[in-house]
Amino acid sequence: MRDAHPLTPKRLTMFTFRVDDADGQPAGDLELYMGMPGHAIFLRRDRRVFAHVHPSGSAPMAALDIAMPSTRPHAQHGAGLPATVSFPYGFPEPGDYRIFVQVKRPGRVVTGVFDAHVE
């Protein structure tokens, strides 16, 4: 997670995470996890803010299927998922946050943990 700009409240940001294999190369074995390429939790340290975010945003999956079926190109299969997963999110207020990102690799869920400061 890298960005040249400081994080500020009420600004939509696309958080992109790359999953690497043991050799430091982009992982080529990501699988769908509960129908999505990944899941993220944005949690303010004092727990006043909690958001569960999907790569396509937080609209209900059924609504996405009806409104824009092309927003989930991998929904029908797990092959060919990219090594990166992105989540749109705007922090509602300043503070220190912890971001948990979960993806699935052959048969197991892996979790990355990241810290962010919002000015």
PDB file of N, CA and C in Angstrom:
ATOM      1  N   MET A   1       0.855  -1.160   0.000  1.00  0.00           N
ATOM      2  CA  MET A   1       0.000   0.000   0.000  1.00  0.00           C
ATOM      3  C   MET A   1       0.903   1.226   0.000  1.00  0.00           C
ATOM      4  N   ARG A   2       0.930   1.920  -1.127  1.00  0.00           N
ATOM      5  CA  ARG A   2       1.767   3.117  -1.247  1.00  0.00           C
ATOM      6  C   ARG A   2       0.978   4.211  -1.949  1.00  0.00           C
ATOM      7  N   ASP A   3       1.193   5.438  -1.514  1.00  0.00           N
ATOM      8  CA  ASP A   3       0.552   6.580  -2.157  1.00  0.00           C
ATOM      9  C   ASP A   3       1.381   7.811  -1.839  1.00  0.00           C
ATOM     10  N   ALA A   4       1.535   8.660  -2.820  1.00  0.00           N
ATOM     11  CA  ALA A   4       2.319   9.880  -2.631  1.00  0.00           C
ATOM     12  C   ALA A   4       1.525  10.950  -1.879  1.00  0.00           C
ATOM     13  N   HIS A   5       0.215  10.802  -1.839  1.00  0.00           N
ATOM     14  CA  HIS A   5      -0.633  11.803  -1.203  1.00  0.00           C
ATOM     15  C   HIS A   5      -1.006  11.365   0.213  1.00  0.00           C
ATOM     16  N   PRO A   6      -1.065  12.325   1.147  1.00  0.00           N
ATOM     17  CA  PRO A   6      -1.539  11.964   2.489  1.00  0.00           C
ATOM     18  C   PRO A   6      -3.016  11.576   2.423  1.00  0.00           C
ATOM     19  N   LEU A   7      -3.414  10.692   3.301  1.00  0.00           N
ATOM     20  CA  LEU A   7      -4.816  10.294   3.367  1.00  0.00           C
ATOM     21  C   LEU A   7      -5.598  11.355   4.119  1.00  0.00           C
ATOM     22  N   THR A   8      -6.722  11.752   3.553  1.00  0.00           N
ATOM     23  CA  THR A   8      -7.577  12.754   4.175  1.00  0.00           C
ATOM     24  C   THR A   8      -9.006  12.226   4.214  1.00  0.00           C
ATOM     25  N   PRO A   9      -9.801  12.692   5.175  1.00  0.00           N
ATOM     26  CA  PRO A   9     -11.179  12.218   5.263  1.00  0.00           C
ATOM     27  C   PRO A   9     -12.024  12.680   4.081  1.00  0.00           C
ATOM     28  N   LYS A  10     -13.055  11.911   3.814  1.00  0.00           N
ATOM     29  CA  LYS A  10     -14.080  12.258   2.827  1.00  0.00           C
ATOM     30  C   LYS A  10     -13.524  12.409   1.417  1.00  0.00           C
ATOM     31  N   ARG A  11     -12.478  11.644   1.118  1.00  0.00           N
ATOM     32  CA  ARG A  11     -11.925  11.616  -0.241  1.00  0.00           C
ATOM     33  C   ARG A  11     -11.841  10.155  -0.664  1.00  0.00           C
ATOM     34  N   LEU A  12     -12.536   9.811  -1.737  1.00  0.00           N
ATOM     35  CA  LEU A  12     -12.513   8.436  -2.218  1.00  0.00           C
ATOM     36  C   LEU A  12     -11.115   8.091  -2.714  1.00  0.00           C
ATOM     37  N   THR A  13     -10.606   6.981  -2.243  1.00  0.00           N
ATOM     38  CA  THR A  13      -9.275   6.509  -2.620  1.00  0.00           C
ATOM     39  C   THR A  13      -9.398   5.063  -3.069  1.00  0.00           C
ATOM     40  N   MET A  14      -8.649   4.690  -4.094  1.00  0.00           N
ATOM     41  CA  MET A  14      -8.607   3.300  -4.529  1.00  0.00           C
ATOM     42  C   MET A  14      -7.371   2.667  -3.901  1.00  0.00           C
ATOM     43  N   PHE A  15      -7.588   1.733  -3.000  1.00  0.00           N
ATOM     44  CA  PHE A  15      -6.501   1.022  -2.329  1.00  0.00           C
ATOM     45  C   PHE A  15      -6.208  -0.245  -3.120  1.00  0.00           C
ATOM     46  N   THR A  16      -4.991  -0.346  -3.640  1.00  0.00           N
ATOM     47  CA  THR A  16      -4.596  -1.499  -4.449  1.00  0.00           C
ATOM     48  C   THR A  16      -3.502  -2.266  -3.730  1.00  0.00           C
ATOM     49  N   PHE A  17      -3.705  -3.558  -3.617  1.00  0.00           N
ATOM     50  CA  PHE A  17      -2.765  -4.443  -2.928  1.00  0.00           C
ATOM     51  C   PHE A  17      -2.318  -5.523  -3.902  1.00  0.00           C
ATOM     52  N   ARG A  18      -1.019  -5.809  -3.916  1.00  0.00           N
ATOM     53  CA  ARG A  18      -0.484  -6.872  -4.761  1.00  0.00           C
ATOM     54  C   ARG A  18      -0.098  -8.049  -3.884  1.00  0.00           C
ATOM     55  N   VAL A  19      -0.491  -9.231  -4.306  1.00  0.00           N
ATOM     56  CA  VAL A  19      -0.157 -10.457  -3.589  1.00  0.00           C
ATOM     57  C   VAL A  19       1.052 -11.075  -4.278  1.00  0.00           C
ATOM     58  N   ASP A  20       2.119 -11.274  -3.514  1.00  0.00           N
ATOM     59  CA  ASP A  20       3.344 -11.865  -4.051  1.00  0.00           C
ATOM     60  C   ASP A  20       3.492 -13.299  -3.582  1.00  0.00           C
ATOM     61  N   ASP A  21       4.203 -14.086  -4.390  1.00  0.00           N
ATOM     62  CA  ASP A  21       4.510 -15.455  -3.979  1.00  0.00           C
ATOM     63  C   ASP A  21       5.770 -15.449  -3.118  1.00  0.00           C
ATOM     64  N   ALA A  22       6.253 -16.617  -2.739  1.00  0.00           N
ATOM     65  CA  ALA A  22       7.416 -16.733  -1.848  1.00  0.00           C
ATOM     66  C   ALA A  22       8.683 -16.148  -2.462  1.00  0.00           C
ATOM     67  N   ASP A  23       8.728 -16.044  -3.792  1.00  0.00           N
ATOM     68  CA  ASP A  23       9.896 -15.482  -4.476  1.00  0.00           C
ATOM     69  C   ASP A  23       9.780 -13.981  -4.708  1.00  0.00           C
ATOM     70  N   GLY A  24       8.712 -13.364  -4.206  1.00  0.00           N
ATOM     71  CA  GLY A  24       8.524 -11.933  -4.387  1.00  0.00           C
ATOM     72  C   GLY A  24       7.925 -11.557  -5.729  1.00  0.00           C
ATOM     73  N   GLN A  25       7.442 -12.535  -6.466  1.00  0.00           N
ATOM     74  CA  GLN A  25       6.813 -12.292  -7.765  1.00  0.00           C
ATOM     75  C   GLN A  25       5.294 -12.241  -7.594  1.00  0.00           C
ATOM     76  N   PRO A  26       4.588 -11.539  -8.499  1.00  0.00           N
ATOM     77  CA  PRO A  26       3.127 -11.503  -8.397  1.00  0.00           C
ATOM     78  C   PRO A  26       2.539 -12.920  -8.391  1.00  0.00           C
ATOM     79  N   ALA A  27       1.676 -13.184  -7.435  1.00  0.00           N
ATOM     80  CA  ALA A  27       1.058 -14.507  -7.306  1.00  0.00           C
ATOM     81  C   ALA A  27       0.136 -14.775  -8.489  1.00  0.00           C
ATOM     82  N   GLY A  28       0.210 -15.964  -9.027  1.00  0.00           N
ATOM     83  CA  GLY A  28      -0.635 -16.334 -10.158  1.00  0.00           C
ATOM     84  C   GLY A  28      -1.687 -17.359  -9.794  1.00  0.00           C
ATOM     85  N   ASP A  29      -1.960 -17.503  -8.507  1.00  0.00           N
ATOM     86  CA  ASP A  29      -2.854 -18.577  -8.075  1.00  0.00           C
ATOM     87  C   ASP A  29      -4.019 -18.102  -7.205  1.00  0.00           C
ATOM     88  N   LEU A  30      -4.411 -16.829  -7.334  1.00  0.00           N
ATOM     89  CA  LEU A  30      -5.524 -16.340  -6.517  1.00  0.00           C
ATOM     90  C   LEU A  30      -6.833 -16.987  -6.953  1.00  0.00           C
ATOM     91  N   GLU A  31      -7.685 -17.263  -5.978  1.00  0.00           N
ATOM     92  CA  GLU A  31      -9.001 -17.848  -6.208  1.00  0.00           C
ATOM     93  C   GLU A  31     -10.062 -16.903  -5.653  1.00  0.00           C
ATOM     94  N   LEU A  32     -11.281 -17.055  -6.136  1.00  0.00           N
ATOM     95  CA  LEU A  32     -12.377 -16.285  -5.559  1.00  0.00           C
ATOM     96  C   LEU A  32     -12.580 -16.704  -4.110  1.00  0.00           C
ATOM     97  N   TYR A  33     -12.892 -15.729  -3.280  1.00  0.00           N
ATOM     98  CA  TYR A  33     -13.163 -15.975  -1.865  1.00  0.00           C
ATOM     99  C   TYR A  33     -14.557 -15.437  -1.580  1.00  0.00           C
ATOM    100  N   MET A  34     -15.493 -16.316  -1.315  1.00  0.00           N
ATOM    101  CA  MET A  34     -16.898 -15.952  -1.122  1.00  0.00           C
ATOM    102  C   MET A  34     -17.399 -15.104  -2.290  1.00  0.00           C
ATOM    103  N   GLY A  35     -17.052 -15.510  -3.512  1.00  0.00           N
ATOM    104  CA  GLY A  35     -17.552 -14.864  -4.718  1.00  0.00           C
ATOM    105  C   GLY A  35     -16.837 -13.602  -5.143  1.00  0.00           C
ATOM    106  N   MET A  36     -15.784 -13.214  -4.443  1.00  0.00           N
ATOM    107  CA  MET A  36     -15.059 -11.976  -4.745  1.00  0.00           C
ATOM    108  C   MET A  36     -13.560 -12.255  -4.813  1.00  0.00           C
ATOM    109  N   PRO A  37     -12.814 -11.410  -5.537  1.00  0.00           N
ATOM    110  CA  PRO A  37     -11.354 -11.565  -5.552  1.00  0.00           C
ATOM    111  C   PRO A  37     -10.709 -11.285  -4.193  1.00  0.00           C
ATOM    112  N   GLY A  38     -11.404 -10.566  -3.326  1.00  0.00           N
ATOM    113  CA  GLY A  38     -10.856 -10.263  -2.004  1.00  0.00           C
ATOM    114  C   GLY A  38     -11.868  -9.509  -1.156  1.00  0.00           C
ATOM    115  N   HIS A  39     -11.522  -9.353   0.102  1.00  0.00           N
ATOM    116  CA  HIS A  39     -12.346  -8.609   1.057  1.00  0.00           C
ATOM    117  C   HIS A  39     -11.411  -7.741   1.889  1.00  0.00           C
ATOM    118  N   ALA A  40     -11.895  -6.573   2.307  1.00  0.00           N
ATOM    119  CA  ALA A  40     -11.086  -5.692   3.153  1.00  0.00           C
ATOM    120  C   ALA A  40     -11.937  -5.160   4.301  1.00  0.00           C
ATOM    121  N   ILE A  41     -11.291  -4.991   5.423  1.00  0.00           N
ATOM    122  CA  ILE A  41     -11.901  -4.341   6.586  1.00  0.00           C
ATOM    123  C   ILE A  41     -11.077  -3.095   6.884  1.00  0.00           C
ATOM    124  N   PHE A  42     -11.741  -1.954   6.988  1.00  0.00           N
ATOM    125  CA  PHE A  42     -11.107  -0.708   7.401  1.00  0.00           C
ATOM    126  C   PHE A  42     -11.608  -0.435   8.812  1.00  0.00           C
ATOM    127  N   LEU A  43     -10.702  -0.455   9.783  1.00  0.00           N
ATOM    128  CA  LEU A  43     -11.074  -0.346  11.191  1.00  0.00           C
ATOM    129  C   LEU A  43     -10.277   0.772  11.855  1.00  0.00           C
ATOM    130  N   ARG A  44     -10.992   1.763  12.363  1.00  0.00           N
ATOM    131  CA  ARG A  44     -10.303   2.811  13.111  1.00  0.00           C
ATOM    132  C   ARG A  44      -9.837   2.222  14.434  1.00  0.00           C
ATOM    133  N   ARG A  45      -8.660   2.647  14.900  1.00  0.00           N
ATOM    134  CA  ARG A  45      -8.044   2.052  16.098  1.00  0.00           C
ATOM    135  C   ARG A  45      -8.954   2.072  17.324  1.00  0.00           C
ATOM    136  N   ASP A  46      -9.760   3.131  17.461  1.00  0.00           N
ATOM    137  CA  ASP A  46     -10.670   3.195  18.610  1.00  0.00           C
ATOM    138  C   ASP A  46     -11.989   2.467  18.331  1.00  0.00           C
ATOM    139  N   ARG A  47     -12.076   1.825  17.178  1.00  0.00           N
ATOM    140  CA  ARG A  47     -13.225   1.023  16.738  1.00  0.00           C
ATOM    141  C   ARG A  47     -14.496   1.850  16.500  1.00  0.00           C
ATOM    142  N   ARG A  48     -14.350   3.152  16.331  1.00  0.00           N
ATOM    143  CA  ARG A  48     -15.511   3.987  16.009  1.00  0.00           C
ATOM    144  C   ARG A  48     -15.924   3.839  14.557  1.00  0.00           C
ATOM    145  N   VAL A  49     -15.008   3.354  13.711  1.00  0.00           N
ATOM    146  CA  VAL A  49     -15.304   3.162  12.295  1.00  0.00           C
ATOM    147  C   VAL A  49     -14.969   1.724  11.927  1.00  0.00           C
ATOM    148  N   PHE A  50     -15.920   1.046  11.290  1.00  0.00           N
ATOM    149  CA  PHE A  50     -15.730  -0.316  10.791  1.00  0.00           C
ATOM    150  C   PHE A  50     -16.396  -0.391   9.426  1.00  0.00           C
ATOM    151  N   ALA A  51     -15.650  -0.801   8.414  1.00  0.00           N
ATOM    152  CA  ALA A  51     -16.229  -0.947   7.077  1.00  0.00           C
ATOM    153  C   ALA A  51     -15.705  -2.219   6.430  1.00  0.00           C
ATOM    154  N   HIS A  52     -16.624  -3.054   5.953  1.00  0.00           N
ATOM    155  CA  HIS A  52     -16.286  -4.259   5.190  1.00  0.00           C
ATOM    156  C   HIS A  52     -16.487  -3.891   3.726  1.00  0.00           C
ATOM    157  N   VAL A  53     -15.410  -3.939   2.939  1.00  0.00           N
ATOM    158  CA  VAL A  53     -15.435  -3.430   1.570  1.00  0.00           C
ATOM    159  C   VAL A  53     -15.059  -4.534   0.587  1.00  0.00           C
ATOM    160  N   HIS A  54     -15.755  -4.548  -0.552  1.00  0.00           N
ATOM    161  CA  HIS A  54     -15.449  -5.468  -1.647  1.00  0.00           C
ATOM    162  C   HIS A  54     -14.751  -4.702  -2.768  1.00  0.00           C
ATOM    163  N   PRO A  55     -14.071  -5.412  -3.674  1.00  0.00           N
ATOM    164  CA  PRO A  55     -13.400  -4.722  -4.778  1.00  0.00           C
ATOM    165  C   PRO A  55     -14.335  -3.861  -5.617  1.00  0.00           C
ATOM    166  N   SER A  56     -15.595  -4.234  -5.717  1.00  0.00           N
ATOM    167  CA  SER A  56     -16.544  -3.457  -6.507  1.00  0.00           C
ATOM    168  C   SER A  56     -17.277  -2.424  -5.666  1.00  0.00           C
ATOM    169  N   GLY A  57     -16.846  -2.225  -4.431  1.00  0.00           N
ATOM    170  CA  GLY A  57     -17.539  -1.339  -3.516  1.00  0.00           C
ATOM    171  C   GLY A  57     -18.388  -2.163  -2.569  1.00  0.00           C
ATOM    172  N   SER A  58     -19.306  -1.534  -1.878  1.00  0.00           N
ATOM    173  CA  SER A  58     -20.080  -2.244  -0.863  1.00  0.00           C
ATOM    174  C   SER A  58     -21.550  -2.406  -1.205  1.00  0.00           C
ATOM    175  N   ALA A  59     -21.888  -2.316  -2.483  1.00  0.00           N
ATOM    176  CA  ALA A  59     -23.269  -2.581  -2.885  1.00  0.00           C
ATOM    177  C   ALA A  59     -23.544  -4.075  -2.746  1.00  0.00           C
ATOM    178  N   PRO A  60     -24.785  -4.457  -2.466  1.00  0.00           N
ATOM    179  CA  PRO A  60     -25.099  -5.884  -2.373  1.00  0.00           C
ATOM    180  C   PRO A  60     -24.772  -6.606  -3.681  1.00  0.00           C
ATOM    181  N   MET A  61     -24.235  -7.812  -3.577  1.00  0.00           N
ATOM    182  CA  MET A  61     -23.820  -8.561  -4.760  1.00  0.00           C
ATOM    183  C   MET A  61     -24.984  -8.803  -5.719  1.00  0.00           C
ATOM    184  N   ALA A  62     -26.173  -9.097  -5.216  1.00  0.00           N
ATOM    185  CA  ALA A  62     -27.320  -9.340  -6.090  1.00  0.00           C
ATOM    186  C   ALA A  62     -27.652  -8.096  -6.906  1.00  0.00           C
ATOM    187  N   ALA A  63     -27.562  -6.931  -6.287  1.00  0.00           N
ATOM    188  CA  ALA A  63     -27.829  -5.685  -7.003  1.00  0.00           C
ATOM    189  C   ALA A  63     -26.788  -5.453  -8.090  1.00  0.00           C
ATOM    190  N   LEU A  64     -25.523  -5.767  -7.805  1.00  0.00           N
ATOM    191  CA  LEU A  64     -24.481  -5.622  -8.818  1.00  0.00           C
ATOM    192  C   LEU A  64     -24.728  -6.543 -10.001  1.00  0.00           C
ATOM    193  N   ASP A  65     -25.142  -7.766  -9.744  1.00  0.00           N
ATOM    194  CA  ASP A  65     -25.411  -8.716 -10.822  1.00  0.00           C
ATOM    195  C   ASP A  65     -26.515  -8.213 -11.743  1.00  0.00           C
ATOM    196  N   ILE A  66     -27.539  -7.606 -11.174  1.00  0.00           N
ATOM    197  CA  ILE A  66     -28.660  -7.113 -11.969  1.00  0.00           C
ATOM    198  C   ILE A  66     -28.281  -5.837 -12.712  1.00  0.00           C
ATOM    199  N   ALA A  67     -27.668  -4.894 -11.997  1.00  0.00           N
ATOM    200  CA  ALA A  67     -27.393  -3.579 -12.568  1.00  0.00           C
ATOM    201  C   ALA A  67     -26.222  -3.571 -13.535  1.00  0.00           C
ATOM    202  N   MET A  68     -25.147  -4.238 -13.181  1.00  0.00           N
ATOM    203  CA  MET A  68     -23.929  -4.172 -13.981  1.00  0.00           C
ATOM    204  C   MET A  68     -23.205  -5.513 -13.929  1.00  0.00           C
ATOM    205  N   PRO A  69     -23.681  -6.520 -14.635  1.00  0.00           N
ATOM    206  CA  PRO A  69     -23.045  -7.833 -14.536  1.00  0.00           C
ATOM    207  C   PRO A  69     -21.579  -7.834 -14.929  1.00  0.00           C
ATOM    208  N   SER A  70     -21.140  -6.892 -15.725  1.00  0.00           N
ATOM    209  CA  SER A  70     -19.730  -6.872 -16.143  1.00  0.00           C
ATOM    210  C   SER A  70     -18.803  -6.351 -15.054  1.00  0.00           C
ATOM    211  N   THR A  71     -19.330  -5.858 -13.927  1.00  0.00           N
ATOM    212  CA  THR A  71     -18.451  -5.367 -12.865  1.00  0.00           C
ATOM    213  C   THR A  71     -17.760  -6.500 -12.138  1.00  0.00           C
ATOM    214  N   ARG A  72     -18.231  -7.706 -12.321  1.00  0.00           N
ATOM    215  CA  ARG A  72     -17.635  -8.859 -11.659  1.00  0.00           C
ATOM    216  C   ARG A  72     -17.228  -9.874 -12.713  1.00  0.00           C
ATOM    217  N   PRO A  73     -16.210  -9.572 -13.524  1.00  0.00           N
ATOM    218  CA  PRO A  73     -15.864 -10.442 -14.644  1.00  0.00           C
ATOM    219  C   PRO A  73     -15.415 -11.832 -14.224  1.00  0.00           C
ATOM    220  N   HIS A  74     -14.986 -12.007 -13.000  1.00  0.00           N
ATOM    221  CA  HIS A  74     -14.497 -13.311 -12.566  1.00  0.00           C
ATOM    222  C   HIS A  74     -15.530 -14.058 -11.736  1.00  0.00           C
ATOM    223  N   ALA A  75     -16.752 -13.555 -11.673  1.00  0.00           N
ATOM    224  CA  ALA A  75     -17.748 -14.165 -10.802  1.00  0.00           C
ATOM    225  C   ALA A  75     -18.093 -15.592 -11.216  1.00  0.00           C
ATOM    226  N   GLN A  76     -17.965 -15.914 -12.490  1.00  0.00           N
ATOM    227  CA  GLN A  76     -18.332 -17.245 -12.952  1.00  0.00           C
ATOM    228  C   GLN A  76     -17.202 -18.249 -12.828  1.00  0.00           C
ATOM    229  N   HIS A  77     -15.995 -17.775 -12.641  1.00  0.00           N
ATOM    230  CA  HIS A  77     -14.858 -18.694 -12.557  1.00  0.00           C
ATOM    231  C   HIS A  77     -13.752 -18.070 -11.739  1.00  0.00           C
ATOM    232  N   GLY A  78     -12.804 -18.875 -11.308  1.00  0.00           N
ATOM    233  CA  GLY A  78     -11.709 -18.372 -10.494  1.00  0.00           C
ATOM    234  C   GLY A  78     -10.406 -18.289 -11.248  1.00  0.00           C
ATOM    235  N   ALA A  79     -10.376 -18.756 -12.477  1.00  0.00           N
ATOM    236  CA  ALA A  79      -9.119 -18.779 -13.225  1.00  0.00           C
ATOM    237  C   ALA A  79      -8.754 -17.386 -13.711  1.00  0.00           C
ATOM    238  N   GLY A  80      -7.489 -17.119 -13.755  1.00  0.00           N
ATOM    239  CA  GLY A  80      -7.009 -15.881 -14.336  1.00  0.00           C
ATOM    240  C   GLY A  80      -7.173 -14.650 -13.478  1.00  0.00           C
ATOM    241  N   LEU A  81      -7.357 -14.801 -12.182  1.00  0.00           N
ATOM    242  CA  LEU A  81      -7.463 -13.618 -11.332  1.00  0.00           C
ATOM    243  C   LEU A  81      -6.118 -12.913 -11.275  1.00  0.00           C
ATOM    244  N   PRO A  82      -6.122 -11.591 -11.358  1.00  0.00           N
ATOM    245  CA  PRO A  82      -4.853 -10.861 -11.269  1.00  0.00           C
ATOM    246  C   PRO A  82      -4.261 -10.935  -9.865  1.00  0.00           C
ATOM    247  N   ALA A  83      -2.985 -10.629  -9.758  1.00  0.00           N
ATOM    248  CA  ALA A  83      -2.287 -10.650  -8.466  1.00  0.00           C
ATOM    249  C   ALA A  83      -2.586  -9.404  -7.642  1.00  0.00           C
ATOM    250  N   THR A  84      -3.316  -8.458  -8.207  1.00  0.00           N
ATOM    251  CA  THR A  84      -3.684  -7.249  -7.472  1.00  0.00           C
ATOM    252  C   THR A  84      -5.180  -7.246  -7.206  1.00  0.00           C
ATOM    253  N   VAL A  85      -5.536  -6.669  -6.086  1.00  0.00           N
ATOM    254  CA  VAL A  85      -6.941  -6.484  -5.744  1.00  0.00           C
ATOM    255  C   VAL A  85      -7.082  -5.061  -5.210  1.00  0.00           C
ATOM    256  N   SER A  86      -8.134  -4.364  -5.667  1.00  0.00           N
ATOM    257  CA  SER A  86      -8.330  -2.956  -5.300  1.00  0.00           C
ATOM    258  C   SER A  86      -9.675  -2.767  -4.614  1.00  0.00           C
ATOM    259  N   PHE A  87      -9.684  -1.835  -3.675  1.00  0.00           N
ATOM    260  CA  PHE A  87     -10.884  -1.549  -2.897  1.00  0.00           C
ATOM    261  C   PHE A  87     -11.114  -0.040  -2.866  1.00  0.00           C
ATOM    262  N   PRO A  88     -12.310   0.436  -3.259  1.00  0.00           N
ATOM    263  CA  PRO A  88     -12.608   1.862  -3.141  1.00  0.00           C
ATOM    264  C   PRO A  88     -13.066   2.175  -1.718  1.00  0.00           C
ATOM    265  N   TYR A  89     -12.480   3.206  -1.133  1.00  0.00           N
ATOM    266  CA  TYR A  89     -12.898   3.570   0.224  1.00  0.00           C
ATOM    267  C   TYR A  89     -12.555   5.020   0.498  1.00  0.00           C
ATOM    268  N   GLY A  90     -13.423   5.676   1.243  1.00  0.00           N
ATOM    269  CA  GLY A  90     -13.177   7.026   1.720  1.00  0.00           C
ATOM    270  C   GLY A  90     -13.311   7.044   3.233  1.00  0.00           C
ATOM    271  N   PHE A  91     -12.262   7.414   3.912  1.00  0.00           N
ATOM    272  CA  PHE A  91     -12.300   7.459   5.379  1.00  0.00           C
ATOM    273  C   PHE A  91     -13.268   8.553   5.821  1.00  0.00           C
ATOM    274  N   PRO A  92     -14.171   8.268   6.761  1.00  0.00           N
ATOM    275  CA  PRO A  92     -15.142   9.273   7.175  1.00  0.00           C
ATOM    276  C   PRO A  92     -14.570  10.347   8.096  1.00  0.00           C
ATOM    277  N   GLU A  93     -13.478  10.029   8.795  1.00  0.00           N
ATOM    278  CA  GLU A  93     -12.909  10.991   9.747  1.00  0.00           C
ATOM    279  C   GLU A  93     -11.425  10.695   9.955  1.00  0.00           C
ATOM    280  N   PRO A  94     -10.678  11.687  10.469  1.00  0.00           N
ATOM    281  CA  PRO A  94      -9.249  11.471  10.723  1.00  0.00           C
ATOM    282  C   PRO A  94      -9.030  10.400  11.790  1.00  0.00           C
ATOM    283  N   GLY A  95      -7.811   9.911  11.848  1.00  0.00           N
ATOM    284  CA  GLY A  95      -7.448   8.946  12.880  1.00  0.00           C
ATOM    285  C   GLY A  95      -6.500   7.888  12.353  1.00  0.00           C
ATOM    286  N   ASP A  96      -6.167   6.969  13.226  1.00  0.00           N
ATOM    287  CA  ASP A  96      -5.315   5.843  12.863  1.00  0.00           C
ATOM    288  C   ASP A  96      -6.200   4.638  12.582  1.00  0.00           C
ATOM    289  N   TYR A  97      -5.929   3.999  11.455  1.00  0.00           N
ATOM    290  CA  TYR A  97      -6.740   2.878  11.001  1.00  0.00           C
ATOM    291  C   TYR A  97      -5.860   1.651  10.775  1.00  0.00           C
ATOM    292  N   ARG A  98      -6.484   0.500  10.907  1.00  0.00           N
ATOM    293  CA  ARG A  98      -5.855  -0.760  10.519  1.00  0.00           C
ATOM    294  C   ARG A  98      -6.709  -1.328   9.383  1.00  0.00           C
ATOM    295  N   ILE A  99      -6.030  -1.787   8.334  1.00  0.00           N
ATOM    296  CA  ILE A  99      -6.708  -2.349   7.168  1.00  0.00           C
ATOM    297  C   ILE A  99      -6.354  -3.829   7.085  1.00  0.00           C
ATOM    298  N   PHE A 100      -7.377  -4.665   7.056  1.00  0.00           N
ATOM    299  CA  PHE A 100      -7.192  -6.110   6.912  1.00  0.00           C
ATOM    300  C   PHE A 100      -7.652  -6.493   5.509  1.00  0.00           C
ATOM    301  N   VAL A 101      -6.794  -7.145   4.753  1.00  0.00           N
ATOM    302  CA  VAL A 101      -7.132  -7.580   3.399  1.00  0.00           C
ATOM    303  C   VAL A 101      -7.049  -9.096   3.348  1.00  0.00           C
ATOM    304  N   GLN A 102      -8.119  -9.725   2.863  1.00  0.00           N
ATOM    305  CA  GLN A 102      -8.118 -11.182   2.739  1.00  0.00           C
ATOM    306  C   GLN A 102      -8.305 -11.589   1.286  1.00  0.00           C
ATOM    307  N   VAL A 103      -7.467 -12.529   0.853  1.00  0.00           N
ATOM    308  CA  VAL A 103      -7.572 -13.153  -0.459  1.00  0.00           C
ATOM    309  C   VAL A 103      -7.438 -14.658  -0.259  1.00  0.00           C
ATOM    310  N   LYS A 104      -7.794 -15.386  -1.294  1.00  0.00           N
ATOM    311  CA  LYS A 104      -7.690 -16.848  -1.208  1.00  0.00           C
ATOM    312  C   LYS A 104      -6.667 -17.342  -2.218  1.00  0.00           C
ATOM    313  N   ARG A 105      -5.750 -18.148  -1.713  1.00  0.00           N
ATOM    314  CA  ARG A 105      -4.768 -18.837  -2.554  1.00  0.00           C
ATOM    315  C   ARG A 105      -5.057 -20.315  -2.408  1.00  0.00           C
ATOM    316  N   PRO A 106      -4.574 -21.170  -3.275  1.00  0.00           N
ATOM    317  CA  PRO A 106      -5.030 -22.559  -3.341  1.00  0.00           C
ATOM    318  C   PRO A 106      -5.542 -23.165  -2.031  1.00  0.00           C
ATOM    319  N   GLY A 107      -6.851 -23.024  -1.840  1.00  0.00           N
ATOM    320  CA  GLY A 107      -7.513 -23.665  -0.726  1.00  0.00           C
ATOM    321  C   GLY A 107      -7.365 -23.018   0.634  1.00  0.00           C
ATOM    322  N   ARG A 108      -6.678 -21.877   0.733  1.00  0.00           N
ATOM    323  CA  ARG A 108      -6.538 -21.254   2.053  1.00  0.00           C
ATOM    324  C   ARG A 108      -6.656 -19.735   1.944  1.00  0.00           C
ATOM    325  N   VAL A 109      -7.233 -19.157   2.968  1.00  0.00           N
ATOM    326  CA  VAL A 109      -7.401 -17.704   3.022  1.00  0.00           C
ATOM    327  C   VAL A 109      -6.177 -17.103   3.700  1.00  0.00           C
ATOM    328  N   VAL A 110      -5.619 -16.068   3.082  1.00  0.00           N
ATOM    329  CA  VAL A 110      -4.477 -15.366   3.675  1.00  0.00           C
ATOM    330  C   VAL A 110      -4.895 -13.929   3.970  1.00  0.00           C
ATOM    331  N   THR A 111      -4.357 -13.389   5.061  1.00  0.00           N
ATOM    332  CA  THR A 111      -4.716 -12.049   5.519  1.00  0.00           C
ATOM    333  C   THR A 111      -3.482 -11.176   5.597  1.00  0.00           C
ATOM    334  N   GLY A 112      -3.574  -9.983   5.007  1.00  0.00           N
ATOM    335  CA  GLY A 112      -2.534  -8.968   5.138  1.00  0.00           C
ATOM    336  C   GLY A 112      -3.055  -7.868   6.045  1.00  0.00           C
ATOM    337  N   VAL A 113      -2.179  -7.295   6.854  1.00  0.00           N
ATOM    338  CA  VAL A 113      -2.570  -6.241   7.797  1.00  0.00           C
ATOM    339  C   VAL A 113      -1.719  -5.008   7.515  1.00  0.00           C
ATOM    340  N   PHE A 114      -2.376  -3.860   7.397  1.00  0.00           N
ATOM    341  CA  PHE A 114      -1.708  -2.609   7.047  1.00  0.00           C
ATOM    342  C   PHE A 114      -2.207  -1.504   7.967  1.00  0.00           C
ATOM    343  N   ASP A 115      -1.340  -0.559   8.274  1.00  0.00           N
ATOM    344  CA  ASP A 115      -1.714   0.590   9.091  1.00  0.00           C
ATOM    345  C   ASP A 115      -1.771   1.836   8.222  1.00  0.00           C
ATOM    346  N   ALA A 116      -2.716   2.711   8.535  1.00  0.00           N
ATOM    347  CA  ALA A 116      -2.874   3.954   7.787  1.00  0.00           C
ATOM    348  C   ALA A 116      -3.214   5.078   8.757  1.00  0.00           C
ATOM    349  N   HIS A 117      -2.650   6.245   8.484  1.00  0.00           N
ATOM    350  CA  HIS A 117      -2.971   7.437   9.269  1.00  0.00           C
ATOM    351  C   HIS A 117      -3.717   8.405   8.365  1.00  0.00           C
ATOM    352  N   VAL A 118      -4.868   8.863   8.820  1.00  0.00           N
ATOM    353  CA  VAL A 118      -5.687   9.815   8.080  1.00  0.00           C
ATOM    354  C   VAL A 118      -5.592  11.148   8.796  1.00  0.00           C
ATOM    355  N   GLU A 119      -5.144  12.173   8.070  1.00  0.00           N
ATOM    356  CA  GLU A 119      -4.913  13.499   8.667  1.00  0.00           C
ATOM    357  C   GLU A 119      -6.193  14.269   8.873  1.00  0.00           C
TER     358      GLU A 119
END
